[in-house]
């Protein structure tokens, strides 16, 4: 009886060890498979849609156009939302647009651009139009090389500045066919950005400049903890505002000349 019991224990332990070894191998194989899928998903956005069985054109378009959008936003944000500004002051080598201006002393300024966000969107849309057109053609070529049939109609695109994102909207009738057919009428590409807040706060500052001749920037920074505002007063009475989101490092720069005093008069701060 004792011998049989010892043999039984030995058999049980060996069986458990064998089963544990098999489970460990299965776990390792599963981890490798999942890691491979994740690597494809995150590092190869143009082919990850094949893995999940559906095409996601917006993913391709985002990777294609993101750099063009960012470079265009950088130009606009340094120049008061204008690509080719008129009525500007040259500051640190940049043409900074006056968004509120008067040439007279002791007078409050007149708003030059009341719809700062809307104008920014129009300018950005113009700057990235060619890139949007080119990226749509690249998308067509890419999917056709993977065996898809792609049909594109007329193309319109525009940019929107929304809370938390810069959104590119591409309106085009499009169908993508392989085993099945997917149709699209509009594609939205969102890129994280805090530009919306910077433009809205700039609009508020301009309202103060046109009404009172100046603004109290510390109040904005107390209310928005991620916001930094620099206000530089120049000899001719102009002020250059630089608004920065300290988290994303995005900036918006504009100029104002309001309630200016002749040299030697007034209070500087």
Protein backbone atom coordinates (compact mmCIF):
# COMPACT_ATOMS: atom_id res chain seq x y z
CA UNK A 1 0.00 0.00 0.00
CA UNK A 2 2.77 2.43 0.86
CA UNK A 3 4.63 1.75 -2.39
CA UNK A 4 1.51 2.25 -4.43
CA UNK A 5 0.78 5.49 -2.61
CA UNK A 6 4.32 6.78 -3.29
CA UNK A 7 4.00 5.85 -6.95
CA UNK A 8 0.67 7.66 -7.09
CA UNK A 9 2.17 10.82 -5.59
CA UNK A 10 5.11 10.72 -7.96
CA UNK A 11 2.80 10.28 -10.94
CA UNK A 12 0.59 13.14 -9.82
CA UNK A 13 3.47 15.56 -9.32
CA UNK A 14 5.03 14.72 -12.67
CA UNK A 15 1.64 15.12 -14.36
CA UNK A 16 1.11 18.52 -12.79
CA UNK A 17 4.57 19.68 -13.81
CA UNK A 18 3.95 18.54 -17.41
CA UNK A 19 0.64 20.39 -17.52
CA UNK A 20 2.24 23.54 -16.07
CA UNK A 21 4.95 23.40 -18.72
CA UNK A 22 2.34 23.14 -21.46
CA UNK A 23 0.35 26.04 -20.04
CA UNK A 24 3.50 28.17 -19.84
CA UNK A 25 4.25 27.45 -23.51
CA UNK A 26 0.68 28.40 -24.51
CA UNK A 27 0.92 31.63 -22.50
CA UNK A 28 4.22 32.56 -24.17
CA UNK A 29 2.78 31.86 -27.62
CA UNK A 30 -0.29 33.98 -26.83
CA UNK A 31 1.89 36.86 -25.61
CA UNK A 32 3.98 36.74 -28.79
CA UNK A 33 0.85 36.79 -30.98
CA UNK A 34 -0.70 39.71 -29.07
CA UNK A 35 2.61 41.63 -29.13
CA UNK A 36 2.84 41.12 -32.89
CA UNK A 37 -0.69 42.41 -33.44
CA UNK A 38 -0.05 45.47 -31.24
CA UNK A 39 3.21 46.20 -33.07
CA UNK A 40 1.37 46.16 -36.40
CA UNK A 41 -1.45 48.28 -34.97
CA UNK A 42 0.72 51.05 -33.52
CA UNK A 43 3.76 51.13 -35.81
CA UNK A 44 2.21 50.37 -39.19
CA UNK A 45 -0.98 52.44 -39.34
CA UNK A 46 -1.33 52.00 -43.09
CA UNK A 47 -1.80 48.23 -42.85
CA UNK A 48 -3.40 47.78 -39.45
CA UNK A 49 -6.86 48.06 -40.99
CA UNK A 50 -6.21 44.83 -42.90
CA UNK A 51 -5.81 43.01 -39.56
CA UNK A 52 -9.21 44.09 -38.27
CA UNK A 53 -10.89 43.48 -41.63
CA UNK A 54 -12.03 47.04 -42.34
CA UNK A 55 -10.47 50.04 -44.00
CA UNK A 56 -10.08 53.23 -41.98
CA UNK A 57 -9.04 55.97 -44.44
CA UNK A 58 -8.82 58.64 -41.73
CA UNK A 59 -5.94 56.74 -40.12
CA UNK A 60 -3.94 56.83 -43.34
CA UNK A 61 -4.80 60.47 -43.96
CA UNK A 62 -3.75 61.55 -40.46
CA UNK A 63 -0.30 60.04 -40.84
CA UNK A 64 -0.01 61.65 -44.28
CA UNK A 65 -1.12 65.21 -43.53
CA UNK A 66 -0.26 65.76 -39.87
CA UNK A 67 3.14 67.32 -40.56
CA UNK A 68 1.71 69.74 -43.12
CA UNK A 69 -0.99 70.83 -40.68
CA UNK A 70 1.51 71.36 -37.88
CA UNK A 71 3.91 73.44 -39.99
CA UNK A 72 1.01 75.61 -41.22
CA UNK A 73 -0.31 76.12 -37.68
CA UNK A 74 3.19 77.14 -36.54
CA UNK A 75 3.33 79.87 -39.21
CA UNK A 76 -0.15 81.20 -38.44
CA UNK A 77 0.32 81.15 -34.68
CA UNK A 78 3.43 83.38 -34.90
CA UNK A 79 1.71 85.97 -37.10
CA UNK A 80 -1.63 86.56 -35.41
CA UNK A 81 -3.44 83.93 -37.48
CA UNK A 82 -2.33 85.26 -40.89
CA UNK A 83 -0.17 83.58 -43.50
CA UNK A 84 0.71 86.85 -45.25
CA UNK A 85 -0.22 89.59 -42.75
CA UNK A 86 -0.77 93.22 -43.62
CA UNK A 87 -0.83 95.83 -40.89
CA UNK A 88 1.81 94.18 -38.77
CA UNK A 89 4.73 95.01 -36.51
CA UNK A 90 8.09 93.34 -37.00
CA UNK A 91 8.97 91.67 -33.71
CA UNK A 92 11.93 89.28 -33.31
CA UNK A 93 12.01 88.77 -37.05
CA UNK A 94 8.31 87.83 -37.30
CA UNK A 95 5.50 89.80 -38.93
CA UNK A 96 3.05 89.99 -36.02
CA UNK A 97 -0.42 91.06 -37.11
CA UNK A 98 -2.19 93.90 -35.29
CA UNK A 99 -5.53 92.43 -34.26
CA UNK A 100 -6.51 95.76 -32.72
CA UNK A 101 -4.98 99.07 -33.84
CA UNK A 102 -5.12 102.84 -33.80
CA UNK A 103 -2.46 105.18 -35.11
CA UNK A 104 -3.57 107.94 -32.74
CA UNK A 105 -2.52 108.66 -29.18
CA UNK A 106 -4.98 108.55 -26.26
CA UNK A 107 -7.47 106.54 -28.32
CA UNK A 108 -8.57 102.96 -27.89
CA UNK A 109 -7.95 100.64 -30.81
CA UNK A 110 -10.29 99.40 -33.49
CA UNK A 111 -10.62 95.63 -33.80
CA UNK A 112 -8.99 94.51 -37.06
CA UNK A 113 -10.18 90.92 -36.97
CA UNK A 114 -13.27 90.24 -34.84
CA UNK A 115 -13.46 86.54 -35.77
CA UNK A 116 -9.98 85.35 -34.85
CA UNK A 117 -10.85 81.64 -34.76
CA UNK A 118 -12.85 81.79 -37.98
CA UNK A 119 -10.07 83.59 -39.82
CA UNK A 120 -7.49 81.13 -38.50
CA UNK A 121 -9.60 78.28 -39.87
CA UNK A 122 -9.90 79.92 -43.29
CA UNK A 123 -6.16 80.56 -43.52
CA UNK A 124 -5.30 77.03 -42.38
CA UNK A 125 -7.75 75.51 -44.86
CA UNK A 126 -6.08 77.37 -47.74
CA UNK A 127 -2.58 76.39 -46.64
CA UNK A 128 -3.25 72.65 -46.39
CA UNK A 129 -5.57 72.25 -49.39
CA UNK A 130 -2.86 70.96 -51.73
CA UNK A 131 -1.62 68.53 -49.08
CA UNK A 132 -5.15 67.23 -48.51
CA UNK A 133 -5.61 66.64 -52.25
CA UNK A 134 -2.24 64.90 -52.50
CA UNK A 135 -2.91 62.69 -49.47
CA UNK A 136 -6.23 61.54 -50.91
CA UNK A 137 -4.44 60.45 -54.08
CA UNK A 138 -1.80 58.67 -51.99
CA UNK A 139 -4.58 56.90 -50.10
CA UNK A 140 -6.13 55.71 -53.37
CA UNK A 141 -2.78 54.43 -54.65
CA UNK A 142 -1.97 52.71 -51.34
CA UNK A 143 -5.25 50.82 -51.12
CA UNK A 144 -5.18 49.85 -54.79
CA UNK A 145 -1.72 48.36 -54.24
CA UNK A 146 -3.31 46.13 -51.56
CA UNK A 147 -5.93 44.84 -53.97
CA UNK A 148 -8.74 47.26 -53.20
CA UNK A 149 -10.82 49.08 -55.79
CA UNK A 150 -11.16 52.76 -54.87
CA UNK A 151 -13.58 55.29 -56.34
CA UNK A 152 -13.24 59.00 -55.51
CA UNK A 153 -15.57 61.88 -56.34
CA UNK A 154 -15.10 65.63 -56.07
CA UNK A 155 -12.99 66.72 -53.10
CA UNK A 156 -13.53 69.60 -50.67
CA UNK A 157 -11.61 70.11 -47.46
CA UNK A 158 -11.56 72.58 -44.61
CA UNK A 159 -10.04 72.92 -41.14
CA UNK A 160 -11.90 73.44 -37.89
CA UNK A 161 -10.49 74.56 -34.55
CA UNK A 162 -12.49 72.75 -31.87
CA UNK A 163 -11.90 72.20 -28.14
CA UNK A 164 -8.99 69.80 -27.75
CA UNK A 165 -8.37 69.28 -31.46
CA UNK A 166 -7.57 70.68 -34.85
CA UNK A 167 -9.96 68.88 -37.19
CA UNK A 168 -9.53 68.41 -40.91
CA UNK A 169 -12.82 67.66 -42.66
CA UNK A 170 -12.59 66.09 -46.11
CA UNK A 171 -15.86 65.91 -48.02
CA UNK A 172 -15.80 63.44 -50.89
CA UNK A 173 -17.97 60.57 -52.09
CA UNK A 174 -15.68 57.54 -51.83
CA UNK A 175 -16.11 53.78 -52.02
CA UNK A 176 -13.53 51.13 -51.18
CA UNK A 177 -14.19 47.60 -52.41
CA UNK A 178 -12.48 44.27 -51.90
CA UNK A 179 -14.51 41.42 -50.40
CA UNK A 180 -17.16 43.97 -49.49
CA UNK A 181 -17.78 47.66 -50.19
CA UNK A 182 -17.45 50.55 -47.77
CA UNK A 183 -18.71 54.00 -48.67
CA UNK A 184 -17.78 57.36 -47.17
CA UNK A 185 -19.15 60.85 -47.73
CA UNK A 186 -16.98 62.68 -45.19
CA UNK A 187 -13.73 61.94 -43.37
CA UNK A 188 -12.71 63.68 -40.13
CA UNK A 189 -9.09 63.74 -39.01
CA UNK A 190 -8.52 64.99 -35.45
CA UNK A 191 -5.12 66.14 -34.22
CA UNK A 192 -4.76 67.00 -30.50
CA UNK A 193 -4.33 70.74 -29.93
CA UNK A 194 -5.17 73.45 -27.39
CA UNK A 195 -5.26 76.17 -30.07
CA UNK A 196 -9.00 76.67 -29.51
CA UNK A 197 -8.43 77.97 -25.97
CA UNK A 198 -5.56 80.22 -27.09
CA UNK A 199 -7.71 81.81 -29.81
CA UNK A 200 -10.72 82.29 -27.52
CA UNK A 201 -8.60 83.96 -24.83
CA UNK A 202 -6.95 86.15 -27.47
CA UNK A 203 -10.41 87.25 -28.61
CA UNK A 204 -11.26 88.21 -25.03
CA UNK A 205 -8.02 90.20 -24.67
CA UNK A 206 -8.76 92.09 -27.88
CA UNK A 207 -12.20 93.00 -26.51
CA UNK A 208 -10.52 94.53 -23.46
CA UNK A 209 -7.97 96.33 -25.63
CA UNK A 210 -10.66 97.92 -27.79
CA UNK A 211 -12.87 98.84 -24.81
CA UNK A 212 -10.43 99.84 -22.07
CA UNK A 213 -7.12 100.23 -23.89
CA UNK A 214 -5.40 97.40 -22.01
CA UNK A 215 -5.98 94.01 -20.38
CA UNK A 216 -5.05 92.38 -17.08
CA UNK A 217 -3.34 89.16 -18.11
CA UNK A 218 -2.81 87.81 -14.58
CA UNK A 219 -6.56 87.21 -14.27
CA UNK A 220 -6.49 84.85 -17.24
CA UNK A 221 -3.51 82.93 -15.87
CA UNK A 222 -5.23 82.52 -12.51
CA UNK A 223 -8.27 81.05 -14.19
CA UNK A 224 -6.35 78.87 -16.68
CA UNK A 225 -3.50 77.06 -14.85
CA UNK A 226 -1.93 75.78 -18.09
CA UNK A 227 -1.81 79.26 -19.62
CA UNK A 228 1.13 81.64 -19.74
CA UNK A 229 0.73 85.16 -21.16
CA UNK A 230 3.58 87.54 -21.93
CA UNK A 231 2.73 91.16 -22.73
CA UNK A 232 5.61 93.20 -24.10
CA UNK A 233 5.12 96.98 -24.39
CA UNK A 234 7.15 98.70 -27.09
CA UNK A 235 8.29 102.31 -27.41
CA UNK A 236 5.64 103.29 -29.96
CA UNK A 237 2.84 102.17 -27.65
CA UNK A 238 2.36 98.80 -29.31
CA UNK A 239 1.96 95.64 -27.25
CA UNK A 240 2.90 92.14 -28.35
CA UNK A 241 0.99 89.34 -26.64
CA UNK A 242 2.32 85.79 -26.56
CA UNK A 243 -0.08 83.17 -25.22
CA UNK A 244 1.43 79.76 -24.45
CA UNK A 245 -0.09 76.50 -23.33
CA UNK A 246 2.59 75.26 -20.94
CA UNK A 247 1.58 71.62 -21.40
CA UNK A 248 1.49 71.39 -25.21
CA UNK A 249 3.95 74.30 -25.81
CA UNK A 250 1.58 75.74 -28.42
CA UNK A 251 1.68 79.53 -28.85
CA UNK A 252 -0.38 82.30 -30.34
CA UNK A 253 1.19 85.73 -30.90
CA UNK A 254 -0.54 88.97 -31.88
CA UNK A 255 -0.09 92.72 -31.54
CA UNK A 256 -2.26 95.61 -30.37
CA UNK A 257 -1.85 99.38 -30.25
CA UNK A 258 -4.45 100.95 -27.99
CA UNK A 259 -4.53 103.99 -25.67
CA UNK A 260 -0.93 104.74 -26.55
CA UNK A 261 0.90 107.71 -25.02
CA UNK A 262 3.64 109.81 -26.62
CA UNK A 263 7.19 109.09 -25.52
CA UNK A 264 7.81 110.45 -22.05
CA UNK A 265 4.15 110.31 -20.97
CA UNK A 266 1.99 107.67 -19.38
CA UNK A 267 2.78 104.76 -17.13
CA UNK A 268 4.76 101.76 -18.34
CA UNK A 269 4.54 98.29 -16.86
